[in-house]
Amino acid sequence: FPFMNMRRASIVADALVSPAASVGRRRLRQRAHRLALATSSERPASPKKTFFPYGVASFAGIRKNKSFFVDKTEEILRLLDEAENVICLRPPRWGKSLTVDILATFLDKNTSDETFEKLFGGLAIFPEENRGKLCRRFYMMKFDLSIEVGSGDVADIRQRLYDEINDEVRSFVRRYKLEDVTIYPNNGLASLKSAARALRDTDPDAKLFVLVDEYDRFSTELMVASDSSRYDA
């Protein structure tokens, strides 16, 4: 009842008793109505503040709101040690995007001591002896390729992909204060190469870590579409 509106509470009350018990049904409906009113002030102000963060991919948001979080951070080092290129194939709402966000925060050299303590404090990987050698050692690029392909042609889809790449390149340049980076509006890969060169010139010992979220979203949309010509192209 706490998260039901009054109409739903009434419907549930009706379903709990026999149709013949009209008096009892009416009383139960009234009771459910009062319960809905009494608990309305306890409802979360927004989905971001619910205790169980279903579909939430922001690690910082979950920790800030003290939402339910199963600590599996001890697996981070094993994940990083087992393979150089990791592909995670799981159904939607399986925590892939959240895992990407956790990794980005853990590995990013720009994550401050204060932020690291706020987000990882109390978790298995927080003690310094558990962090390994990769913690906060990388320049971080994180791409989200959940691109809506719509009804566009191949050129449109390619441009949307390049726009996403360019957005992350711009963010990357701002975060790490890089100079002499050229953004190519019609060629995101060229923009990416330009940023990589600027990073190498700025810090010859730099290590770049690339995370790609929803890497197959747009290709899957094309694959299951009724018109397969765009996917074939």
C-alpha atoms as a PDB file:
ATOM      1  CA  PHE A   1       0.000   0.000   0.000  1.00  0.00           C
ATOM      2  CA  PRO A   2       2.646   2.668   0.764  1.00  0.00           C
ATOM      3  CA  PHE A   3       3.407   3.342  -2.908  1.00  0.00           C
ATOM      4  CA  MET A   4      -0.095   2.920  -4.333  1.00  0.00           C
ATOM      5  CA  ASN A   5      -2.338   5.766  -5.306  1.00  0.00           C
ATOM      6  CA  MET A   6      -5.833   5.835  -3.835  1.00  0.00           C
ATOM      7  CA  ARG A   7      -7.492   4.218  -6.834  1.00  0.00           C
ATOM      8  CA  ARG A   8      -5.081   1.284  -6.808  1.00  0.00           C
ATOM      9  CA  ALA A   9      -5.541   0.872  -3.056  1.00  0.00           C
ATOM     10  CA  SER A  10      -9.275   0.675  -3.620  1.00  0.00           C
ATOM     11  CA  ILE A  11      -8.887  -1.948  -6.348  1.00  0.00           C
ATOM     12  CA  VAL A  12      -6.650  -4.067  -4.125  1.00  0.00           C
ATOM     13  CA  ALA A  13      -9.124  -3.781  -1.265  1.00  0.00           C
ATOM     14  CA  ASP A  14     -11.902  -5.022  -3.563  1.00  0.00           C
ATOM     15  CA  ALA A  15      -9.845  -8.007  -4.579  1.00  0.00           C
ATOM     16  CA  LEU A  16      -9.195  -9.069  -0.995  1.00  0.00           C
ATOM     17  CA  VAL A  17     -12.786  -9.854  -0.025  1.00  0.00           C
ATOM     18  CA  SER A  18     -15.749 -11.721  -1.379  1.00  0.00           C
ATOM     19  CA  PRO A  19     -18.208  -9.738  -3.563  1.00  0.00           C
ATOM     20  CA  ALA A  20     -20.985 -10.786  -1.177  1.00  0.00           C
ATOM     21  CA  ALA A  21     -19.360  -9.072   1.753  1.00  0.00           C
ATOM     22  CA  SER A  22     -20.390  -5.576   0.691  1.00  0.00           C
ATOM     23  CA  VAL A  23     -20.159  -4.028   4.144  1.00  0.00           C
ATOM     24  CA  GLY A  24     -16.766  -5.528   4.869  1.00  0.00           C
ATOM     25  CA  ARG A  25     -15.603  -4.554   1.400  1.00  0.00           C
ATOM     26  CA  ARG A  26     -16.671  -0.946   1.915  1.00  0.00           C
ATOM     27  CA  ARG A  27     -14.926  -0.745   5.273  1.00  0.00           C
ATOM     28  CA  LEU A  28     -11.761  -2.258   3.851  1.00  0.00           C
ATOM     29  CA  ARG A  29     -11.856   0.181   0.962  1.00  0.00           C
ATOM     30  CA  GLN A  30     -12.192   3.093   3.382  1.00  0.00           C
ATOM     31  CA  ARG A  31      -9.362   1.729   5.477  1.00  0.00           C
ATOM     32  CA  ALA A  32      -7.143   1.354   2.427  1.00  0.00           C
ATOM     33  CA  HIS A  33      -8.071   4.896   1.399  1.00  0.00           C
ATOM     34  CA  ARG A  34      -6.975   6.262   4.791  1.00  0.00           C
ATOM     35  CA  LEU A  35      -3.794   4.206   4.626  1.00  0.00           C
ATOM     36  CA  ALA A  36      -2.964   5.628   1.216  1.00  0.00           C
ATOM     37  CA  LEU A  37      -3.471   9.150   2.545  1.00  0.00           C
ATOM     38  CA  ALA A  38      -1.396   8.467   5.649  1.00  0.00           C
ATOM     39  CA  THR A  39       1.527   7.089   3.694  1.00  0.00           C
ATOM     40  CA  SER A  40       1.476   9.559   0.809  1.00  0.00           C
ATOM     41  CA  SER A  41       3.889  11.856   2.642  1.00  0.00           C
ATOM     42  CA  GLU A  42       6.357   8.967   2.997  1.00  0.00           C
ATOM     43  CA  ARG A  43       6.686   8.341  -0.714  1.00  0.00           C
ATOM     44  CA  PRO A  44      10.052   9.134  -2.284  1.00  0.00           C
ATOM     45  CA  ALA A  45      10.211  12.566  -3.852  1.00  0.00           C
ATOM     46  CA  SER A  46      11.845  11.126  -6.964  1.00  0.00           C
ATOM     47  CA  PRO A  47      13.025   7.749  -8.321  1.00  0.00           C
ATOM     48  CA  LYS A  48      16.600   8.792  -7.544  1.00  0.00           C
ATOM     49  CA  LYS A  49      15.843   8.548  -3.813  1.00  0.00           C
ATOM     50  CA  THR A  50      14.277   5.108  -3.735  1.00  0.00           C
ATOM     51  CA  PHE A  51      16.047   2.575  -1.554  1.00  0.00           C
ATOM     52  CA  PHE A  52      16.288   0.005  -4.358  1.00  0.00           C
ATOM     53  CA  PRO A  53      17.851   1.900  -7.291  1.00  0.00           C
ATOM     54  CA  TYR A  54      16.386  -0.165 -10.129  1.00  0.00           C
ATOM     55  CA  GLY A  55      17.766   0.980 -13.464  1.00  0.00           C
ATOM     56  CA  VAL A  56      20.093   3.571 -11.879  1.00  0.00           C
ATOM     57  CA  ALA A  57      23.565   3.551 -13.401  1.00  0.00           C
ATOM     58  CA  SER A  58      25.120   6.377 -11.387  1.00  0.00           C
ATOM     59  CA  PHE A  59      27.486   5.034  -8.750  1.00  0.00           C
ATOM     60  CA  ALA A  60      27.798   8.487  -7.184  1.00  0.00           C
ATOM     61  CA  GLY A  61      24.014   8.850  -7.080  1.00  0.00           C
ATOM     62  CA  ILE A  62      23.525   5.493  -5.359  1.00  0.00           C
ATOM     63  CA  ARG A  63      26.160   6.190  -2.731  1.00  0.00           C
ATOM     64  CA  LYS A  64      25.021   9.769  -2.156  1.00  0.00           C
ATOM     65  CA  ASN A  65      21.403   8.691  -1.620  1.00  0.00           C
ATOM     66  CA  LYS A  66      22.490   5.717   0.524  1.00  0.00           C
ATOM     67  CA  SER A  67      20.532   3.371  -1.703  1.00  0.00           C
ATOM     68  CA  PHE A  68      20.762  -0.393  -1.571  1.00  0.00           C
ATOM     69  CA  PHE A  69      24.126  -1.528  -2.951  1.00  0.00           C
ATOM     70  CA  VAL A  70      25.570  -5.038  -2.964  1.00  0.00           C
ATOM     71  CA  ASP A  71      29.308  -4.664  -2.462  1.00  0.00           C
ATOM     72  CA  LYS A  72      31.180  -6.681  -5.066  1.00  0.00           C
ATOM     73  CA  THR A  73      34.018  -4.240  -5.463  1.00  0.00           C
ATOM     74  CA  GLU A  74      36.523  -6.918  -4.468  1.00  0.00           C
ATOM     75  CA  GLU A  75      35.928  -8.330  -7.958  1.00  0.00           C
ATOM     76  CA  ILE A  76      37.297  -5.209  -9.666  1.00  0.00           C
ATOM     77  CA  LEU A  77      40.934  -6.306  -9.503  1.00  0.00           C
ATOM     78  CA  ARG A  78      40.099  -9.798 -10.725  1.00  0.00           C
ATOM     79  CA  LEU A  79      38.154  -8.315 -13.623  1.00  0.00           C
ATOM     80  CA  LEU A  80      41.059  -6.070 -14.579  1.00  0.00           C
ATOM     81  CA  ASP A  81      43.651  -8.833 -14.212  1.00  0.00           C
ATOM     82  CA  GLU A  82      41.890 -11.560 -16.182  1.00  0.00           C
ATOM     83  CA  ALA A  83      41.732  -9.958 -19.607  1.00  0.00           C
ATOM     84  CA  GLU A  84      43.045  -6.972 -21.499  1.00  0.00           C
ATOM     85  CA  ASN A  85      39.804  -6.491 -23.448  1.00  0.00           C
ATOM     86  CA  VAL A  86      36.653  -7.372 -21.536  1.00  0.00           C
ATOM     87  CA  ILE A  87      33.238  -7.818 -23.149  1.00  0.00           C
ATOM     88  CA  CYS A  88      30.283  -8.183 -20.803  1.00  0.00           C
ATOM     89  CA  LEU A  89      27.186  -9.769 -22.376  1.00  0.00           C
ATOM     90  CA  ARG A  90      24.207  -9.627 -20.045  1.00  0.00           C
ATOM     91  CA  PRO A  91      20.502  -8.758 -20.391  1.00  0.00           C
ATOM     92  CA  PRO A  92      19.211  -5.231 -19.711  1.00  0.00           C
ATOM     93  CA  ARG A  93      19.046  -4.094 -16.071  1.00  0.00           C
ATOM     94  CA  TRP A  94      21.866  -6.469 -15.134  1.00  0.00           C
ATOM     95  CA  GLY A  95      24.150  -3.737 -13.817  1.00  0.00           C
ATOM     96  CA  LYS A  96      26.480  -3.362 -16.806  1.00  0.00           C
ATOM     97  CA  SER A  97      26.245   0.426 -16.998  1.00  0.00           C
ATOM     98  CA  LEU A  98      26.660   0.729 -13.230  1.00  0.00           C
ATOM     99  CA  THR A  99      29.757  -1.475 -13.412  1.00  0.00           C
ATOM    100  CA  VAL A 100      31.183   0.772 -16.130  1.00  0.00           C
ATOM    101  CA  ASP A 101      30.561   3.838 -13.952  1.00  0.00           C
ATOM    102  CA  ILE A 102      32.209   2.194 -10.930  1.00  0.00           C
ATOM    103  CA  LEU A 103      35.252   1.250 -12.997  1.00  0.00           C
ATOM    104  CA  ALA A 104      35.523   4.755 -14.447  1.00  0.00           C
ATOM    105  CA  THR A 105      35.503   6.282 -10.961  1.00  0.00           C
ATOM    106  CA  PHE A 106      37.954   3.740  -9.581  1.00  0.00           C
ATOM    107  CA  LEU A 107      40.466   4.068 -12.421  1.00  0.00           C
ATOM    108  CA  ASP A 108      40.262   7.784 -13.253  1.00  0.00           C
ATOM    109  CA  LYS A 109      43.353   9.718 -12.173  1.00  0.00           C
ATOM    110  CA  ASN A 110      41.097  12.757 -11.709  1.00  0.00           C
ATOM    111  CA  THR A 111      39.109  11.114  -8.898  1.00  0.00           C
ATOM    112  CA  SER A 112      40.137  13.113  -5.831  1.00  0.00           C
ATOM    113  CA  ASP A 113      40.914  11.630  -2.431  1.00  0.00           C
ATOM    114  CA  GLU A 114      37.745  13.194  -1.041  1.00  0.00           C
ATOM    115  CA  THR A 115      35.531  11.787  -3.792  1.00  0.00           C
ATOM    116  CA  PHE A 116      37.146   8.371  -3.559  1.00  0.00           C
ATOM    117  CA  GLU A 117      36.539   8.217   0.174  1.00  0.00           C
ATOM    118  CA  LYS A 118      32.903   9.346  -0.169  1.00  0.00           C
ATOM    119  CA  LEU A 119      32.081   6.790  -2.842  1.00  0.00           C
ATOM    120  CA  PHE A 120      34.219   3.804  -1.875  1.00  0.00           C
ATOM    121  CA  GLY A 121      34.483   4.337   1.874  1.00  0.00           C
ATOM    122  CA  GLY A 122      33.288   1.245   3.730  1.00  0.00           C
ATOM    123  CA  LEU A 123      33.436  -0.958   0.630  1.00  0.00           C
ATOM    124  CA  ALA A 124      35.700  -3.973   0.259  1.00  0.00           C
ATOM    125  CA  ILE A 125      38.104  -2.263  -2.102  1.00  0.00           C
ATOM    126  CA  PHE A 126      38.532   0.939  -0.069  1.00  0.00           C
ATOM    127  CA  PRO A 127      41.467  -0.140   2.158  1.00  0.00           C
ATOM    128  CA  GLU A 128      44.665   0.888   0.413  1.00  0.00           C
ATOM    129  CA  GLU A 129      46.074  -2.636   0.505  1.00  0.00           C
ATOM    130  CA  ASN A 130      43.042  -3.851  -1.479  1.00  0.00           C
ATOM    131  CA  ARG A 131      43.170  -1.286  -4.286  1.00  0.00           C
ATOM    132  CA  GLY A 132      45.975  -2.775  -6.343  1.00  0.00           C
ATOM    133  CA  LYS A 133      48.289  -0.847  -8.654  1.00  0.00           C
ATOM    134  CA  LEU A 134      45.696   0.423 -11.140  1.00  0.00           C
ATOM    135  CA  CYS A 135      43.586   2.578  -8.852  1.00  0.00           C
ATOM    136  CA  ARG A 136      43.375   6.159 -10.166  1.00  0.00           C
ATOM    137  CA  ARG A 137      46.208   5.695 -12.645  1.00  0.00           C
ATOM    138  CA  PHE A 138      44.463   6.283 -15.976  1.00  0.00           C
ATOM    139  CA  TYR A 139      43.181   8.985 -18.228  1.00  0.00           C
ATOM    140  CA  MET A 140      39.609   7.906 -18.708  1.00  0.00           C
ATOM    141  CA  MET A 141      37.334   7.894 -21.749  1.00  0.00           C
ATOM    142  CA  LYS A 142      33.808   6.583 -21.303  1.00  0.00           C
ATOM    143  CA  PHE A 143      31.504   6.262 -24.300  1.00  0.00           C
ATOM    144  CA  ASP A 144      27.776   5.615 -24.225  1.00  0.00           C
ATOM    145  CA  LEU A 145      26.611   4.265 -27.575  1.00  0.00           C
ATOM    146  CA  SER A 146      22.910   3.990 -26.764  1.00  0.00           C
ATOM    147  CA  ILE A 147      22.195   5.821 -29.992  1.00  0.00           C
ATOM    148  CA  GLU A 148      18.663   6.044 -31.322  1.00  0.00           C
ATOM    149  CA  VAL A 149      18.888   5.029 -34.957  1.00  0.00           C
ATOM    150  CA  GLY A 150      15.310   6.045 -35.788  1.00  0.00           C
ATOM    151  CA  SER A 151      14.481   6.038 -39.469  1.00  0.00           C
ATOM    152  CA  GLY A 152      17.699   7.662 -40.598  1.00  0.00           C
ATOM    153  CA  ASP A 153      19.861   6.346 -43.377  1.00  0.00           C
ATOM    154  CA  VAL A 154      23.415   5.051 -43.008  1.00  0.00           C
ATOM    155  CA  ALA A 155      24.912   8.545 -43.164  1.00  0.00           C
ATOM    156  CA  ASP A 156      22.577   9.763 -40.396  1.00  0.00           C
ATOM    157  CA  ILE A 157      23.477   6.845 -38.132  1.00  0.00           C
ATOM    158  CA  ARG A 158      27.181   7.330 -38.745  1.00  0.00           C
ATOM    159  CA  GLN A 159      26.851  11.020 -37.869  1.00  0.00           C
ATOM    160  CA  ARG A 160      25.056  10.198 -34.601  1.00  0.00           C
ATOM    161  CA  LEU A 161      27.898   7.865 -33.726  1.00  0.00           C
ATOM    162  CA  TYR A 162      30.458  10.555 -34.525  1.00  0.00           C
ATOM    163  CA  ASP A 163      28.493  13.097 -32.462  1.00  0.00           C
ATOM    164  CA  GLU A 164      28.666  10.806 -29.432  1.00  0.00           C
ATOM    165  CA  ILE A 165      32.405  10.273 -29.909  1.00  0.00           C
ATOM    166  CA  ASN A 166      32.991  14.004 -30.301  1.00  0.00           C
ATOM    167  CA  ASP A 167      30.986  14.806 -27.167  1.00  0.00           C
ATOM    168  CA  GLU A 168      33.195  12.495 -25.113  1.00  0.00           C
ATOM    169  CA  VAL A 169      36.364  13.852 -26.744  1.00  0.00           C
ATOM    170  CA  ARG A 170      35.321  17.405 -25.789  1.00  0.00           C
ATOM    171  CA  SER A 171      34.636  16.286 -22.234  1.00  0.00           C
ATOM    172  CA  PHE A 172      37.978  14.472 -22.151  1.00  0.00           C
ATOM    173  CA  VAL A 173      39.832  17.603 -23.313  1.00  0.00           C
ATOM    174  CA  ARG A 174      38.132  19.737 -20.635  1.00  0.00           C
ATOM    175  CA  ARG A 175      38.736  17.263 -17.800  1.00  0.00           C
ATOM    176  CA  TYR A 176      42.437  16.897 -18.449  1.00  0.00           C
ATOM    177  CA  LYS A 177      43.069  20.410 -19.811  1.00  0.00           C
ATOM    178  CA  LEU A 178      44.535  19.247 -23.108  1.00  0.00           C
ATOM    179  CA  GLU A 179      45.517  21.649 -25.855  1.00  0.00           C
ATOM    180  CA  ASP A 180      45.792  21.498 -29.647  1.00  0.00           C
ATOM    181  CA  VAL A 181      42.955  18.999 -30.067  1.00  0.00           C
ATOM    182  CA  THR A 182      40.996  19.221 -33.286  1.00  0.00           C
ATOM    183  CA  ILE A 183      37.333  18.195 -33.310  1.00  0.00           C
ATOM    184  CA  TYR A 184      36.191  16.880 -36.671  1.00  0.00           C
ATOM    185  CA  PRO A 185      32.366  17.190 -36.770  1.00  0.00           C
ATOM    186  CA  ASN A 186      32.041  14.639 -39.559  1.00  0.00           C
ATOM    187  CA  ASN A 187      34.707  12.215 -38.383  1.00  0.00           C
ATOM    188  CA  GLY A 188      34.660  11.272 -34.716  1.00  0.00           C
ATOM    189  CA  LEU A 189      37.504   8.793 -35.152  1.00  0.00           C
ATOM    190  CA  ALA A 190      39.785  11.578 -36.377  1.00  0.00           C
ATOM    191  CA  SER A 191      38.821  13.612 -33.297  1.00  0.00           C
ATOM    192  CA  LEU A 192      39.699  10.649 -31.102  1.00  0.00           C
ATOM    193  CA  LYS A 193      43.119  10.305 -32.726  1.00  0.00           C
ATOM    194  CA  SER A 194      43.746  14.025 -32.287  1.00  0.00           C
ATOM    195  CA  ALA A 195      42.973  13.772 -28.568  1.00  0.00           C
ATOM    196  CA  ALA A 196      45.251  10.736 -28.226  1.00  0.00           C
ATOM    197  CA  ARG A 197      48.127  12.621 -29.862  1.00  0.00           C
ATOM    198  CA  ALA A 198      47.593  15.636 -27.607  1.00  0.00           C
ATOM    199  CA  LEU A 199      47.616  13.389 -24.562  1.00  0.00           C
ATOM    200  CA  ARG A 200      50.849  11.735 -25.632  1.00  0.00           C
ATOM    201  CA  ASP A 201      52.461  15.154 -26.203  1.00  0.00           C
ATOM    202  CA  THR A 202      51.287  16.380 -22.784  1.00  0.00           C
ATOM    203  CA  ASP A 203      52.197  13.245 -20.839  1.00  0.00           C
ATOM    204  CA  PRO A 204      54.455  10.743 -22.655  1.00  0.00           C
ATOM    205  CA  ASP A 205      53.853   8.180 -19.887  1.00  0.00           C
ATOM    206  CA  ALA A 206      50.078   8.566 -19.969  1.00  0.00           C
ATOM    207  CA  LYS A 207      47.894   5.480 -19.824  1.00  0.00           C
ATOM    208  CA  LEU A 208      44.519   5.753 -21.497  1.00  0.00           C
ATOM    209  CA  PHE A 209      41.631   3.531 -20.408  1.00  0.00           C
ATOM    210  CA  VAL A 210      38.578   3.320 -22.678  1.00  0.00           C
ATOM    211  CA  LEU A 211      35.178   2.117 -21.473  1.00  0.00           C
ATOM    212  CA  VAL A 212      32.316   1.626 -23.940  1.00  0.00           C
ATOM    213  CA  ASP A 213      28.792   1.286 -22.590  1.00  0.00           C
ATOM    214  CA  GLU A 214      25.886   0.067 -24.757  1.00  0.00           C
ATOM    215  CA  TYR A 215      28.381  -0.749 -27.484  1.00  0.00           C
ATOM    216  CA  ASP A 216      25.916  -2.925 -29.380  1.00  0.00           C
ATOM    217  CA  ARG A 217      22.698  -0.936 -28.847  1.00  0.00           C
ATOM    218  CA  PHE A 218      22.514   0.805 -32.196  1.00  0.00           C
ATOM    219  CA  SER A 219      23.671  -2.224 -34.175  1.00  0.00           C
ATOM    220  CA  THR A 220      21.079  -4.404 -32.419  1.00  0.00           C
ATOM    221  CA  GLU A 221      18.324  -1.930 -33.265  1.00  0.00           C
ATOM    222  CA  LEU A 222      19.348  -2.102 -36.893  1.00  0.00           C
ATOM    223  CA  MET A 223      19.591  -5.882 -36.842  1.00  0.00           C
ATOM    224  CA  VAL A 224      16.062  -6.421 -35.544  1.00  0.00           C
ATOM    225  CA  ALA A 225      14.490  -3.740 -37.757  1.00  0.00           C
ATOM    226  CA  SER A 226      12.172  -4.848 -40.560  1.00  0.00           C
ATOM    227  CA  ASP A 227      14.434  -3.180 -43.102  1.00  0.00           C
ATOM    228  CA  SER A 228      17.804  -4.925 -42.999  1.00  0.00           C
ATOM    229  CA  SER A 229      19.429  -2.801 -45.702  1.00  0.00           C
ATOM    230  CA  ARG A 230      20.809  -0.278 -43.204  1.00  0.00           C
ATOM    231  CA  TYR A 231      22.308  -3.060 -41.044  1.00  0.00           C
ATOM    232  CA  ASP A 232      23.876  -4.701 -44.106  1.00  0.00           C
ATOM    233  CA  ALA A 233      25.375  -1.350 -45.118  1.00  0.00           C
END
